[in-house]
Amino acid sequence: MEPREGLFEEVMGCIRRKGLFYAKCRMAAFFLLFAVSAAAFLPVWRMAAAEAAESGFFEFISLMFSDSGVILVSWQNFLLALAETLPAASLALLLAVAVIFLQSFKIISRDLKFVYGYR
């Protein structure tokens, strides 16, 4: 028994349509994630900057440029004080938002190439 004429093209066309459908769904979901992460970036940036200013992190950074001789004398204490004032949670959140933004952009661009055939 032989398969009917054009069955292979029909099956391949169905697979292609399913792939396009899933790519469009994935693109829509990641575009939503892209928009949310883009909207969250500025408030998270401001939060990290406010916590760094509140903890005195910027004062220690400015000390590196204004009086580097003091830092050279007691560099171990300076690094410890710098690490203590670092707003680690805010920076981790900022990094997470930035990674989500960039990964979403990468997936959207890949799916755009697949769906619309951009080179």
Protein backbone atom coordinates (compact mmCIF):
# COMPACT_ATOMS: atom_id res chain seq x y z
CA MET A 1 0.00 0.00 0.00
CA GLU A 2 1.43 3.34 -1.06
CA PRO A 3 0.71 6.67 0.65
CA ARG A 4 -1.42 9.04 -1.35
CA GLU A 5 0.11 11.70 -3.55
CA GLY A 6 1.10 14.91 -1.69
CA LEU A 7 0.87 13.41 1.81
CA PHE A 8 4.47 14.30 2.63
CA GLU A 9 3.96 17.96 1.66
CA GLU A 10 0.73 18.05 3.64
CA VAL A 11 2.39 16.69 6.78
CA MET A 12 5.37 19.02 6.43
CA GLY A 13 3.03 21.99 5.93
CA CYS A 14 1.14 21.04 9.09
CA ILE A 15 4.40 20.80 11.05
CA ARG A 16 5.48 24.19 9.70
CA ARG A 17 2.13 25.81 10.66
CA LYS A 18 2.38 24.36 14.19
CA GLY A 19 5.94 25.64 14.49
CA LEU A 20 4.85 29.10 13.37
CA PHE A 21 1.94 29.06 15.82
CA TYR A 22 4.21 28.13 18.73
CA ALA A 23 6.78 30.72 17.68
CA LYS A 24 4.10 33.43 17.60
CA CYS A 25 2.80 32.38 21.04
CA ARG A 26 6.33 32.35 22.44
CA MET A 27 7.01 35.73 20.87
CA ALA A 28 3.86 37.21 22.43
CA ALA A 29 4.72 35.84 25.88
CA PHE A 30 8.30 37.06 25.75
CA PHE A 31 7.21 40.44 24.42
CA LEU A 32 5.05 40.80 27.51
CA LEU A 33 8.02 39.82 29.68
CA PHE A 34 10.21 42.23 27.71
CA ALA A 35 7.77 45.10 28.30
CA VAL A 36 7.44 44.35 32.02
CA SER A 37 11.21 44.15 32.51
CA ALA A 38 11.72 47.37 30.53
CA ALA A 39 9.14 49.14 32.68
CA ALA A 40 10.71 47.77 35.87
CA PHE A 41 14.27 48.72 34.99
CA LEU A 42 14.10 52.42 35.86
CA PRO A 43 12.39 52.00 39.26
CA VAL A 44 14.83 49.23 40.21
CA TRP A 45 17.74 51.42 39.08
CA ARG A 46 16.46 54.30 41.23
CA MET A 47 15.97 51.95 44.19
CA ALA A 48 19.54 50.64 43.87
CA ALA A 49 20.94 54.17 43.59
CA ALA A 50 18.93 55.34 46.61
CA GLU A 51 20.11 52.40 48.73
CA ALA A 52 23.71 52.96 47.64
CA ALA A 53 23.46 56.62 48.60
CA GLU A 54 21.79 55.81 51.90
CA SER A 55 24.40 53.24 52.87
CA GLY A 56 27.34 55.54 52.10
CA PHE A 57 28.63 53.46 49.19
CA PHE A 58 29.12 56.50 46.97
CA GLU A 59 31.19 58.24 49.66
CA PHE A 60 33.61 55.32 49.70
CA ILE A 61 33.78 55.33 45.91
CA SER A 62 34.51 59.06 45.84
CA LEU A 63 37.22 58.51 48.45
CA MET A 64 39.04 56.32 45.93
CA PHE A 65 39.40 59.29 43.60
CA SER A 66 39.89 62.09 46.10
CA ASP A 67 42.31 60.54 48.61
CA SER A 68 43.84 57.37 47.23
CA GLY A 69 46.77 57.58 49.66
CA VAL A 70 44.52 56.69 52.59
CA ILE A 71 43.21 53.71 50.66
CA LEU A 72 46.70 52.45 49.88
CA VAL A 73 47.64 52.54 53.57
CA SER A 74 44.65 50.50 54.74
CA TRP A 75 43.28 48.90 51.60
CA GLN A 76 41.97 45.81 53.40
CA ASN A 77 39.79 47.84 55.72
CA PHE A 78 38.65 49.95 52.82
CA LEU A 79 37.59 46.92 50.80
CA LEU A 80 35.75 45.50 53.80
CA ALA A 81 33.92 48.79 54.37
CA LEU A 82 33.10 48.99 50.67
CA ALA A 83 31.69 45.45 50.70
CA GLU A 84 29.62 46.20 53.81
CA THR A 85 27.98 49.25 52.24
CA LEU A 86 27.30 47.57 48.90
CA PRO A 87 23.52 47.26 48.34
CA ALA A 88 23.72 43.62 47.26
CA ALA A 89 19.99 42.86 47.14
CA SER A 90 19.23 45.88 44.97
CA LEU A 91 22.10 45.11 42.64
CA ALA A 92 20.98 41.48 42.36
CA LEU A 93 17.46 42.64 41.50
CA LEU A 94 18.84 45.10 38.96
CA LEU A 95 20.95 42.36 37.38
CA ALA A 96 17.95 40.00 37.26
CA VAL A 97 15.80 42.61 35.52
CA ALA A 98 18.57 43.36 33.02
CA VAL A 99 19.12 39.66 32.24
CA ILE A 100 15.38 39.08 31.77
CA PHE A 101 15.23 42.11 29.47
CA LEU A 102 18.15 40.95 27.33
CA GLN A 103 17.07 37.29 27.17
CA SER A 104 13.55 38.28 26.19
CA PHE A 105 14.93 40.49 23.46
CA LYS A 106 17.10 37.63 22.19
CA ILE A 107 14.18 35.19 22.06
CA ILE A 108 11.89 37.73 20.39
CA SER A 109 14.47 38.48 17.71
CA ARG A 110 15.07 34.77 17.08
CA ASP A 111 11.34 34.13 16.70
CA LEU A 112 10.95 37.16 14.43
CA LYS A 113 13.58 35.64 12.15
CA PHE A 114 11.75 32.32 12.19
CA VAL A 115 8.23 33.69 11.65
CA TYR A 116 8.94 36.43 9.15
CA GLY A 117 12.11 35.08 7.56
CA TYR A 118 14.37 38.01 8.42
CA ARG A 119 18.04 37.38 7.83
